[in-house]
């Protein structure tokens, strides 16, 4: 047996709104999944749980040109239900980026 990786995934449409030329907020609704990838789960078993997810984010763009650095924070909470039990899991990311237009 090898060690695996737990993956928390959000897939769905999101919208982004610019509050001013530097600050944005965004969010969306979609599908969420948690899966055991490459671990003790064999190929014949379903090693994932699917549910309803959200994407919430906010960021700041440095500079006033089309080519800027940015920083943002993103939350992806998911609500899962299996065998009559409900649970939540939330992904969190701090992101640094560069935009080239």
PDB file of N, CA and C in Angstrom:
ATOM      1  N   UNK A   1       0.823  -1.178   0.000  1.00  0.00           N
ATOM      2  CA  UNK A   1       0.000   0.000   0.000  1.00  0.00           C
ATOM      3  C   UNK A   1       0.869   1.245   0.000  1.00  0.00           C
ATOM      4  N   UNK A   2       0.416   2.246  -0.723  1.00  0.00           N
ATOM      5  CA  UNK A   2       1.149   3.506  -0.751  1.00  0.00           C
ATOM      6  C   UNK A   2       0.301   4.612  -0.130  1.00  0.00           C
ATOM      7  N   UNK A   3       0.974   5.660   0.288  1.00  0.00           N
ATOM      8  CA  UNK A   3       0.251   6.810   0.827  1.00  0.00           C
ATOM      9  C   UNK A   3      -0.482   7.511  -0.295  1.00  0.00           C
ATOM     10  N   UNK A   4      -1.637   8.061   0.028  1.00  0.00           N
ATOM     11  CA  UNK A   4      -2.423   8.768  -0.966  1.00  0.00           C
ATOM     12  C   UNK A   4      -2.509  10.245  -0.655  1.00  0.00           C
ATOM     13  N   UNK A   5      -3.288  10.935  -1.434  1.00  0.00           N
ATOM     14  CA  UNK A   5      -3.518  12.358  -1.278  1.00  0.00           C
ATOM     15  C   UNK A   5      -5.013  12.601  -1.210  1.00  0.00           C
ATOM     16  N   UNK A   6      -5.433  13.400  -0.245  1.00  0.00           N
ATOM     17  CA  UNK A   6      -6.837  13.801  -0.162  1.00  0.00           C
ATOM     18  C   UNK A   6      -6.994  15.083  -0.971  1.00  0.00           C
ATOM     19  N   UNK A   7      -7.932  15.086  -1.913  1.00  0.00           N
ATOM     20  CA  UNK A   7      -8.156  16.223  -2.792  1.00  0.00           C
ATOM     21  C   UNK A   7      -9.537  16.801  -2.513  1.00  0.00           C
ATOM     22  N   UNK A   8      -9.608  18.129  -2.326  1.00  0.00           N
ATOM     23  CA  UNK A   8     -10.851  18.865  -2.118  1.00  0.00           C
ATOM     24  C   UNK A   8     -11.071  19.727  -3.359  1.00  0.00           C
ATOM     25  N   UNK A   9     -12.165  19.465  -4.107  1.00  0.00           N
ATOM     26  CA  UNK A   9     -12.378  20.080  -5.414  1.00  0.00           C
ATOM     27  C   UNK A   9     -13.686  20.868  -5.431  1.00  0.00           C
ATOM     28  N   UNK A  10     -13.658  22.031  -6.082  1.00  0.00           N
ATOM     29  CA  UNK A  10     -14.873  22.798  -6.388  1.00  0.00           C
ATOM     30  C   UNK A  10     -14.921  22.985  -7.894  1.00  0.00           C
ATOM     31  N   UNK A  11     -16.090  22.764  -8.503  1.00  0.00           N
ATOM     32  CA  UNK A  11     -16.279  22.998  -9.935  1.00  0.00           C
ATOM     33  C   UNK A  11     -17.631  23.667 -10.138  1.00  0.00           C
ATOM     34  N   UNK A  12     -17.611  24.840 -10.719  1.00  0.00           N
ATOM     35  CA  UNK A  12     -18.855  25.549 -10.974  1.00  0.00           C
ATOM     36  C   UNK A  12     -18.596  26.966 -11.436  1.00  0.00           C
ATOM     37  N   UNK A  13     -19.627  27.642 -11.911  1.00  0.00           N
ATOM     38  CA  UNK A  13     -19.466  29.021 -12.382  1.00  0.00           C
ATOM     39  C   UNK A  13     -19.303  29.991 -11.219  1.00  0.00           C
ATOM     40  N   UNK A  14     -18.514  31.027 -11.454  1.00  0.00           N
ATOM     41  CA  UNK A  14     -18.293  32.071 -10.470  1.00  0.00           C
ATOM     42  C   UNK A  14     -18.345  33.434 -11.149  1.00  0.00           C
ATOM     43  N   UNK A  15     -18.698  34.438 -10.375  1.00  0.00           N
ATOM     44  CA  UNK A  15     -18.706  35.816 -10.856  1.00  0.00           C
ATOM     45  C   UNK A  15     -17.704  36.621 -10.049  1.00  0.00           C
ATOM     46  N   UNK A  16     -17.140  37.634 -10.693  1.00  0.00           N
ATOM     47  CA  UNK A  16     -16.190  38.504 -10.015  1.00  0.00           C
ATOM     48  C   UNK A  16     -16.617  39.941 -10.235  1.00  0.00           C
ATOM     49  N   UNK A  17     -16.588  40.754  -9.169  1.00  0.00           N
ATOM     50  CA  UNK A  17     -16.999  42.154  -9.240  1.00  0.00           C
ATOM     51  C   UNK A  17     -15.866  43.024  -8.709  1.00  0.00           C
ATOM     52  N   UNK A  18     -15.520  44.047  -9.470  1.00  0.00           N
ATOM     53  CA  UNK A  18     -14.468  44.973  -9.069  1.00  0.00           C
ATOM     54  C   UNK A  18     -15.095  46.120  -8.289  1.00  0.00           C
ATOM     55  N   UNK A  19     -14.709  46.272  -7.012  1.00  0.00           N
ATOM     56  CA  UNK A  19     -15.218  47.356  -6.171  1.00  0.00           C
ATOM     57  C   UNK A  19     -14.581  48.691  -6.542  1.00  0.00           C
ATOM     58  N   UNK A  20     -13.341  48.664  -6.956  1.00  0.00           N
ATOM     59  CA  UNK A  20     -12.620  49.822  -7.491  1.00  0.00           C
ATOM     60  C   UNK A  20     -11.524  49.258  -8.392  1.00  0.00           C
ATOM     61  N   UNK A  21     -10.644  50.082  -8.976  1.00  0.00           N
ATOM     62  CA  UNK A  21      -9.637  49.547  -9.902  1.00  0.00           C
ATOM     63  C   UNK A  21      -8.642  48.553  -9.285  1.00  0.00           C
ATOM     64  N   UNK A  22      -8.644  48.395  -7.959  1.00  0.00           N
ATOM     65  CA  UNK A  22      -7.678  47.506  -7.322  1.00  0.00           C
ATOM     66  C   UNK A  22      -8.296  46.331  -6.558  1.00  0.00           C
ATOM     67  N   UNK A  23      -9.511  46.462  -6.064  1.00  0.00           N
ATOM     68  CA  UNK A  23     -10.111  45.473  -5.157  1.00  0.00           C
ATOM     69  C   UNK A  23     -11.256  44.736  -5.846  1.00  0.00           C
ATOM     70  N   UNK A  24     -11.245  43.399  -5.732  1.00  0.00           N
ATOM     71  CA  UNK A  24     -12.356  42.624  -6.272  1.00  0.00           C
ATOM     72  C   UNK A  24     -12.860  41.618  -5.242  1.00  0.00           C
ATOM     73  N   UNK A  25     -14.114  41.212  -5.450  1.00  0.00           N
ATOM     74  CA  UNK A  25     -14.720  40.126  -4.687  1.00  0.00           C
ATOM     75  C   UNK A  25     -15.350  39.181  -5.698  1.00  0.00           C
ATOM     76  N   UNK A  26     -15.527  37.945  -5.316  1.00  0.00           N
ATOM     77  CA  UNK A  26     -16.122  36.985  -6.234  1.00  0.00           C
ATOM     78  C   UNK A  26     -16.737  35.829  -5.488  1.00  0.00           C
ATOM     79  N   UNK A  27     -17.560  35.094  -6.195  1.00  0.00           N
ATOM     80  CA  UNK A  27     -18.182  33.932  -5.599  1.00  0.00           C
ATOM     81  C   UNK A  27     -18.935  33.113  -6.619  1.00  0.00           C
ATOM     82  N   UNK A  28     -19.289  31.908  -6.215  1.00  0.00           N
ATOM     83  CA  UNK A  28     -20.034  31.029  -7.100  1.00  0.00           C
ATOM     84  C   UNK A  28     -20.575  29.825  -6.357  1.00  0.00           C
ATOM     85  N   UNK A  29     -21.418  29.081  -7.049  1.00  0.00           N
ATOM     86  CA  UNK A  29     -22.040  27.866  -6.523  1.00  0.00           C
ATOM     87  C   UNK A  29     -21.737  26.722  -7.480  1.00  0.00           C
ATOM     88  N   UNK A  30     -21.602  25.534  -6.946  1.00  0.00           N
ATOM     89  CA  UNK A  30     -21.333  24.413  -7.833  1.00  0.00           C
ATOM     90  C   UNK A  30     -21.229  23.094  -7.099  1.00  0.00           C
ATOM     91  N   UNK A  31     -20.516  22.174  -7.700  1.00  0.00           N
ATOM     92  CA  UNK A  31     -20.311  20.847  -7.140  1.00  0.00           C
ATOM     93  C   UNK A  31     -19.000  20.809  -6.371  1.00  0.00           C
ATOM     94  N   UNK A  32     -18.987  20.064  -5.284  1.00  0.00           N
ATOM     95  CA  UNK A  32     -17.782  19.876  -4.485  1.00  0.00           C
ATOM     96  C   UNK A  32     -17.528  18.379  -4.353  1.00  0.00           C
ATOM     97  N   UNK A  33     -16.272  18.019  -4.189  1.00  0.00           N
ATOM     98  CA  UNK A  33     -15.917  16.610  -3.996  1.00  0.00           C
ATOM     99  C   UNK A  33     -14.667  16.523  -3.135  1.00  0.00           C
ATOM    100  N   UNK A  34     -14.625  15.467  -2.340  1.00  0.00           N
ATOM    101  CA  UNK A  34     -13.429  15.097  -1.596  1.00  0.00           C
ATOM    102  C   UNK A  34     -13.089  13.680  -2.049  1.00  0.00           C
ATOM    103  N   UNK A  35     -11.827  13.456  -2.425  1.00  0.00           N
ATOM    104  CA  UNK A  35     -11.443  12.146  -2.955  1.00  0.00           C
ATOM    105  C   UNK A  35     -10.096  11.715  -2.398  1.00  0.00           C
ATOM    106  N   UNK A  36      -9.935  10.402  -2.245  1.00  0.00           N
ATOM    107  CA  UNK A  36      -8.660   9.785  -1.908  1.00  0.00           C
ATOM    108  C   UNK A  36      -8.015   9.384  -3.226  1.00  0.00           C
ATOM    109  N   UNK A  37      -6.906  10.010  -3.565  1.00  0.00           N
ATOM    110  CA  UNK A  37      -6.252   9.764  -4.844  1.00  0.00           C
ATOM    111  C   UNK A  37      -4.915   9.061  -4.604  1.00  0.00           C
ATOM    112  N   UNK A  38      -4.771   7.880  -5.171  1.00  0.00           N
ATOM    113  CA  UNK A  38      -3.509   7.170  -5.118  1.00  0.00           C
ATOM    114  C   UNK A  38      -3.196   6.512  -3.794  1.00  0.00           C
ATOM    115  N   UNK A  39      -4.150   6.392  -2.921  1.00  0.00           N
ATOM    116  CA  UNK A  39      -3.892   5.786  -1.614  1.00  0.00           C
ATOM    117  C   UNK A  39      -4.307   4.335  -1.583  1.00  0.00           C
ATOM    118  N   UNK A  40      -4.875   3.919  -0.471  1.00  0.00           N
ATOM    119  CA  UNK A  40      -5.262   2.524  -0.277  1.00  0.00           C
ATOM    120  C   UNK A  40      -6.545   2.171  -1.024  1.00  0.00           C
ATOM    121  N   UNK A  41      -7.178   3.152  -1.633  1.00  0.00           N
ATOM    122  CA  UNK A  41      -8.397   2.909  -2.396  1.00  0.00           C
ATOM    123  C   UNK A  41      -8.031   2.224  -3.714  1.00  0.00           C
ATOM    124  N   UNK A  42      -8.680   1.099  -3.999  1.00  0.00           N
ATOM    125  CA  UNK A  42      -8.365   0.418  -5.261  1.00  0.00           C
ATOM    126  C   UNK A  42      -9.210   0.979  -6.395  1.00  0.00           C
ATOM    127  N   UNK A  43      -8.923   0.547  -7.614  1.00  0.00           N
ATOM    128  CA  UNK A  43      -9.558   1.094  -8.811  1.00  0.00           C
ATOM    129  C   UNK A  43     -11.035   0.748  -8.918  1.00  0.00           C
ATOM    130  N   UNK A  44     -11.520  -0.282  -8.222  1.00  0.00           N
ATOM    131  CA  UNK A  44     -12.919  -0.685  -8.340  1.00  0.00           C
ATOM    132  C   UNK A  44     -13.823   0.037  -7.349  1.00  0.00           C
ATOM    133  N   UNK A  45     -13.268   0.699  -6.342  1.00  0.00           N
ATOM    134  CA  UNK A  45     -14.075   1.369  -5.319  1.00  0.00           C
ATOM    135  C   UNK A  45     -14.209   2.853  -5.635  1.00  0.00           C
ATOM    136  N   UNK A  46     -15.332   3.429  -5.211  1.00  0.00           N
ATOM    137  CA  UNK A  46     -15.539   4.876  -5.336  1.00  0.00           C
ATOM    138  C   UNK A  46     -15.021   5.517  -4.056  1.00  0.00           C
ATOM    139  N   UNK A  47     -13.890   6.152  -4.143  1.00  0.00           N
ATOM    140  CA  UNK A  47     -13.235   6.741  -2.969  1.00  0.00           C
ATOM    141  C   UNK A  47     -13.447   8.248  -2.926  1.00  0.00           C
ATOM    142  N   UNK A  48     -14.632   8.691  -3.298  1.00  0.00           N
ATOM    143  CA  UNK A  48     -14.928  10.116  -3.249  1.00  0.00           C
ATOM    144  C   UNK A  48     -16.322  10.339  -2.682  1.00  0.00           C
ATOM    145  N   UNK A  49     -16.500  11.524  -2.135  1.00  0.00           N
ATOM    146  CA  UNK A  49     -17.804  11.976  -1.648  1.00  0.00           C
ATOM    147  C   UNK A  49     -18.108  13.275  -2.369  1.00  0.00           C
ATOM    148  N   UNK A  50     -19.295  13.384  -2.938  1.00  0.00           N
ATOM    149  CA  UNK A  50     -19.678  14.580  -3.674  1.00  0.00           C
ATOM    150  C   UNK A  50     -20.779  15.318  -2.933  1.00  0.00           C
ATOM    151  N   UNK A  51     -20.818  16.644  -3.137  1.00  0.00           N
ATOM    152  CA  UNK A  51     -21.814  17.465  -2.474  1.00  0.00           C
ATOM    153  C   UNK A  51     -21.975  18.810  -3.163  1.00  0.00           C
ATOM    154  N   UNK A  52     -22.482  19.766  -2.407  1.00  0.00           N
ATOM    155  CA  UNK A  52     -22.754  21.112  -2.894  1.00  0.00           C
ATOM    156  C   UNK A  52     -21.659  22.039  -2.378  1.00  0.00           C
ATOM    157  N   UNK A  53     -21.105  22.887  -3.258  1.00  0.00           N
ATOM    158  CA  UNK A  53     -19.995  23.730  -2.840  1.00  0.00           C
ATOM    159  C   UNK A  53     -20.174  25.192  -3.186  1.00  0.00           C
ATOM    160  N   UNK A  54     -19.378  26.015  -2.526  1.00  0.00           N
ATOM    161  CA  UNK A  54     -19.348  27.459  -2.736  1.00  0.00           C
ATOM    162  C   UNK A  54     -17.912  27.870  -3.031  1.00  0.00           C
ATOM    163  N   UNK A  55     -17.755  28.968  -3.747  1.00  0.00           N
ATOM    164  CA  UNK A  55     -16.453  29.575  -3.964  1.00  0.00           C
ATOM    165  C   UNK A  55     -16.572  31.037  -3.542  1.00  0.00           C
ATOM    166  N   UNK A  56     -15.777  31.462  -2.572  1.00  0.00           N
ATOM    167  CA  UNK A  56     -15.785  32.838  -2.079  1.00  0.00           C
ATOM    168  C   UNK A  56     -14.359  33.359  -2.143  1.00  0.00           C
ATOM    169  N   UNK A  57     -14.173  34.544  -2.748  1.00  0.00           N
ATOM    170  CA  UNK A  57     -12.811  35.069  -2.854  1.00  0.00           C
ATOM    171  C   UNK A  57     -12.802  36.596  -2.860  1.00  0.00           C
ATOM    172  N   UNK A  58     -11.638  37.132  -2.521  1.00  0.00           N
ATOM    173  CA  UNK A  58     -11.409  38.564  -2.527  1.00  0.00           C
ATOM    174  C   UNK A  58      -9.947  38.794  -2.837  1.00  0.00           C
ATOM    175  N   UNK A  59      -9.654  39.918  -3.514  1.00  0.00           N
ATOM    176  CA  UNK A  59      -8.265  40.157  -3.854  1.00  0.00           C
ATOM    177  C   UNK A  59      -7.955  41.612  -4.081  1.00  0.00           C
ATOM    178  N   UNK A  60      -6.667  41.859  -4.237  1.00  0.00           N
ATOM    179  CA  UNK A  60      -6.166  43.207  -4.468  1.00  0.00           C
ATOM    180  C   UNK A  60      -5.149  43.158  -5.598  1.00  0.00           C
ATOM    181  N   UNK A  61      -5.284  44.098  -6.562  1.00  0.00           N
ATOM    182  CA  UNK A  61      -4.374  44.200  -7.691  1.00  0.00           C
ATOM    183  C   UNK A  61      -3.462  45.410  -7.487  1.00  0.00           C
ATOM    184  N   UNK A  62      -2.152  45.167  -7.471  1.00  0.00           N
ATOM    185  CA  UNK A  62      -1.169  46.235  -7.265  1.00  0.00           C
ATOM    186  C   UNK A  62      -0.843  46.889  -8.604  1.00  0.00           C
ATOM    187  N   UNK A  63      -0.789  48.187  -8.655  1.00  0.00           N
ATOM    188  CA  UNK A  63      -0.431  48.891  -9.883  1.00  0.00           C
ATOM    189  C   UNK A  63      -1.645  49.347 -10.649  1.00  0.00           C
ATOM    190  N   UNK A  64      -1.382  50.193 -11.663  1.00  0.00           N
ATOM    191  CA  UNK A  64      -2.476  50.774 -12.453  1.00  0.00           C
ATOM    192  C   UNK A  64      -2.405  50.426 -13.930  1.00  0.00           C
ATOM    193  N   UNK A  65      -1.538  49.507 -14.327  1.00  0.00           N
ATOM    194  CA  UNK A  65      -1.436  49.142 -15.741  1.00  0.00           C
ATOM    195  C   UNK A  65      -2.119  47.800 -15.997  1.00  0.00           C
ATOM    196  N   UNK A  66      -2.095  47.356 -17.240  1.00  0.00           N
ATOM    197  CA  UNK A  66      -2.694  46.062 -17.593  1.00  0.00           C
ATOM    198  C   UNK A  66      -1.848  44.896 -17.096  1.00  0.00           C
ATOM    199  N   UNK A  67      -0.577  45.150 -16.758  1.00  0.00           N
ATOM    200  CA  UNK A  67       0.332  44.119 -16.267  1.00  0.00           C
ATOM    201  C   UNK A  67       0.569  44.366 -14.778  1.00  0.00           C
ATOM    202  N   UNK A  68      -0.063  43.577 -13.920  1.00  0.00           N
ATOM    203  CA  UNK A  68       0.014  43.836 -12.482  1.00  0.00           C
ATOM    204  C   UNK A  68       0.204  42.550 -11.687  1.00  0.00           C
ATOM    205  N   UNK A  69       0.731  42.721 -10.494  1.00  0.00           N
ATOM    206  CA  UNK A  69       0.763  41.644  -9.513  1.00  0.00           C
ATOM    207  C   UNK A  69      -0.506  41.722  -8.686  1.00  0.00           C
ATOM    208  N   UNK A  70      -0.960  40.580  -8.170  1.00  0.00           N
ATOM    209  CA  UNK A  70      -2.157  40.587  -7.331  1.00  0.00           C
ATOM    210  C   UNK A  70      -2.017  39.569  -6.213  1.00  0.00           C
ATOM    211  N   UNK A  71      -2.804  39.789  -5.167  1.00  0.00           N
ATOM    212  CA  UNK A  71      -2.873  38.868  -4.031  1.00  0.00           C
ATOM    213  C   UNK A  71      -4.339  38.636  -3.722  1.00  0.00           C
ATOM    214  N   UNK A  72      -4.678  37.408  -3.373  1.00  0.00           N
ATOM    215  CA  UNK A  72      -6.077  37.115  -3.069  1.00  0.00           C
ATOM    216  C   UNK A  72      -6.182  35.982  -2.056  1.00  0.00           C
ATOM    217  N   UNK A  73      -7.352  35.886  -1.466  1.00  0.00           N
ATOM    218  CA  UNK A  73      -7.673  34.805  -0.540  1.00  0.00           C
ATOM    219  C   UNK A  73      -8.931  34.127  -1.078  1.00  0.00           C
ATOM    220  N   UNK A  74      -8.993  32.804  -0.970  1.00  0.00           N
ATOM    221  CA  UNK A  74     -10.130  32.049  -1.513  1.00  0.00           C
ATOM    222  C   UNK A  74     -10.563  30.970  -0.528  1.00  0.00           C
ATOM    223  N   UNK A  75     -11.875  30.880  -0.325  1.00  0.00           N
ATOM    224  CA  UNK A  75     -12.487  29.833   0.503  1.00  0.00           C
ATOM    225  C   UNK A  75     -13.396  28.998  -0.381  1.00  0.00           C
ATOM    226  N   UNK A  76     -13.347  27.677  -0.202  1.00  0.00           N
ATOM    227  CA  UNK A  76     -14.232  26.784  -0.960  1.00  0.00           C
ATOM    228  C   UNK A  76     -14.907  25.795  -0.001  1.00  0.00           C
ATOM    229  N   UNK A  77     -15.949  26.248   0.712  1.00  0.00           N
ATOM    230  CA  UNK A  77     -16.663  25.330   1.602  1.00  0.00           C
ATOM    231  C   UNK A  77     -17.542  24.358   0.805  1.00  0.00           C
ATOM    232  N   UNK A  78     -17.613  23.135   1.282  1.00  0.00           N
ATOM    233  CA  UNK A  78     -18.468  22.122   0.673  1.00  0.00           C
ATOM    234  C   UNK A  78     -19.330  21.452   1.725  1.00  0.00           C
ATOM    235  N   UNK A  79     -20.546  21.086   1.344  1.00  0.00           N
ATOM    236  CA  UNK A  79     -21.488  20.392   2.227  1.00  0.00           C
ATOM    237  C   UNK A  79     -21.711  19.006   1.636  1.00  0.00           C
ATOM    238  N   UNK A  80     -21.429  17.976   2.429  1.00  0.00           N
ATOM    239  CA  UNK A  80     -21.478  16.595   1.948  1.00  0.00           C
ATOM    240  C   UNK A  80     -22.452  15.782   2.781  1.00  0.00           C
ATOM    241  N   UNK A  81     -23.103  14.832   2.137  1.00  0.00           N
ATOM    242  CA  UNK A  81     -24.034  13.950   2.835  1.00  0.00           C
ATOM    243  C   UNK A  81     -23.853  12.535   2.307  1.00  0.00           C
ATOM    244  N   UNK A  82     -23.686  11.594   3.239  1.00  0.00           N
ATOM    245  CA  UNK A  82     -23.547  10.190   2.861  1.00  0.00           C
ATOM    246  C   UNK A  82     -24.064   9.322   3.992  1.00  0.00           C
ATOM    247  N   UNK A  83     -24.886   8.331   3.654  1.00  0.00           N
ATOM    248  CA  UNK A  83     -25.439   7.385   4.626  1.00  0.00           C
ATOM    249  C   UNK A  83     -26.154   8.083   5.785  1.00  0.00           C
ATOM    250  N   UNK A  84     -26.866   9.161   5.482  1.00  0.00           N
ATOM    251  CA  UNK A  84     -27.637   9.873   6.495  1.00  0.00           C
ATOM    252  C   UNK A  84     -26.854  10.839   7.356  1.00  0.00           C
ATOM    253  N   UNK A  85     -25.562  10.947   7.141  1.00  0.00           N
ATOM    254  CA  UNK A  85     -24.735  11.880   7.906  1.00  0.00           C
ATOM    255  C   UNK A  85     -24.331  13.050   7.020  1.00  0.00           C
ATOM    256  N   UNK A  86     -24.250  14.225   7.605  1.00  0.00           N
ATOM    257  CA  UNK A  86     -23.851  15.431   6.878  1.00  0.00           C
ATOM    258  C   UNK A  86     -22.572  15.983   7.481  1.00  0.00           C
ATOM    259  N   UNK A  87     -21.687  16.466   6.615  1.00  0.00           N
ATOM    260  CA  UNK A  87     -20.427  17.054   7.068  1.00  0.00           C
ATOM    261  C   UNK A  87     -20.053  18.206   6.152  1.00  0.00           C
ATOM    262  N   UNK A  88     -19.190  19.069   6.635  1.00  0.00           N
ATOM    263  CA  UNK A  88     -18.665  20.155   5.812  1.00  0.00           C
ATOM    264  C   UNK A  88     -17.140  20.102   5.818  1.00  0.00           C
ATOM    265  N   UNK A  89     -16.558  20.600   4.753  1.00  0.00           N
ATOM    266  CA  UNK A  89     -15.102  20.753   4.655  1.00  0.00           C
ATOM    267  C   UNK A  89     -14.849  22.047   3.896  1.00  0.00           C
ATOM    268  N   UNK A  90     -13.846  22.803   4.324  1.00  0.00           N
ATOM    269  CA  UNK A  90     -13.550  24.081   3.691  1.00  0.00           C
ATOM    270  C   UNK A  90     -12.088  24.131   3.261  1.00  0.00           C
ATOM    271  N   UNK A  91     -11.894  24.409   1.978  1.00  0.00           N
ATOM    272  CA  UNK A  91     -10.554  24.642   1.459  1.00  0.00           C
ATOM    273  C   UNK A  91     -10.215  26.118   1.606  1.00  0.00           C
ATOM    274  N   UNK A  92      -8.947  26.421   1.841  1.00  0.00           N
ATOM    275  CA  UNK A  92      -8.495  27.799   2.029  1.00  0.00           C
ATOM    276  C   UNK A  92      -7.199  27.987   1.245  1.00  0.00           C
ATOM    277  N   UNK A  93      -7.102  29.106   0.513  1.00  0.00           N
ATOM    278  CA  UNK A  93      -5.885  29.367  -0.261  1.00  0.00           C
ATOM    279  C   UNK A  93      -5.515  30.842  -0.186  1.00  0.00           C
ATOM    280  N   UNK A  94      -4.226  31.102  -0.068  1.00  0.00           N
ATOM    281  CA  UNK A  94      -3.657  32.436  -0.237  1.00  0.00           C
ATOM    282  C   UNK A  94      -2.925  32.405  -1.571  1.00  0.00           C
ATOM    283  N   UNK A  95      -3.265  33.301  -2.473  1.00  0.00           N
ATOM    284  CA  UNK A  95      -2.734  33.254  -3.826  1.00  0.00           C
ATOM    285  C   UNK A  95      -1.980  34.534  -4.180  1.00  0.00           C
ATOM    286  N   UNK A  96      -0.870  34.391  -4.874  1.00  0.00           N
ATOM    287  CA  UNK A  96      -0.120  35.497  -5.440  1.00  0.00           C
ATOM    288  C   UNK A  96      -0.067  35.265  -6.942  1.00  0.00           C
ATOM    289  N   UNK A  97      -0.304  36.319  -7.719  1.00  0.00           N
ATOM    290  CA  UNK A  97      -0.341  36.128  -9.155  1.00  0.00           C
ATOM    291  C   UNK A  97       0.180  37.325  -9.930  1.00  0.00           C
ATOM    292  N   UNK A  98       0.315  37.130 -11.224  1.00  0.00           N
ATOM    293  CA  UNK A  98       0.710  38.183 -12.148  1.00  0.00           C
ATOM    294  C   UNK A  98      -0.233  38.134 -13.328  1.00  0.00           C
ATOM    295  N   UNK A  99      -0.765  39.285 -13.705  1.00  0.00           N
ATOM    296  CA  UNK A  99      -1.712  39.346 -14.823  1.00  0.00           C
ATOM    297  C   UNK A  99      -1.045  40.087 -15.970  1.00  0.00           C
ATOM    298  N   UNK A 100      -1.047  39.464 -17.125  1.00  0.00           N
ATOM    299  CA  UNK A 100      -0.446  40.047 -18.326  1.00  0.00           C
ATOM    300  C   UNK A 100      -1.535  40.162 -19.388  1.00  0.00           C
ATOM    301  N   UNK A 101      -1.958  41.377 -19.668  1.00  0.00           N
ATOM    302  CA  UNK A 101      -2.995  41.601 -20.687  1.00  0.00           C
ATOM    303  C   UNK A 101      -2.437  42.248 -21.919  1.00  0.00           C
TER     304      UNK A 101
END
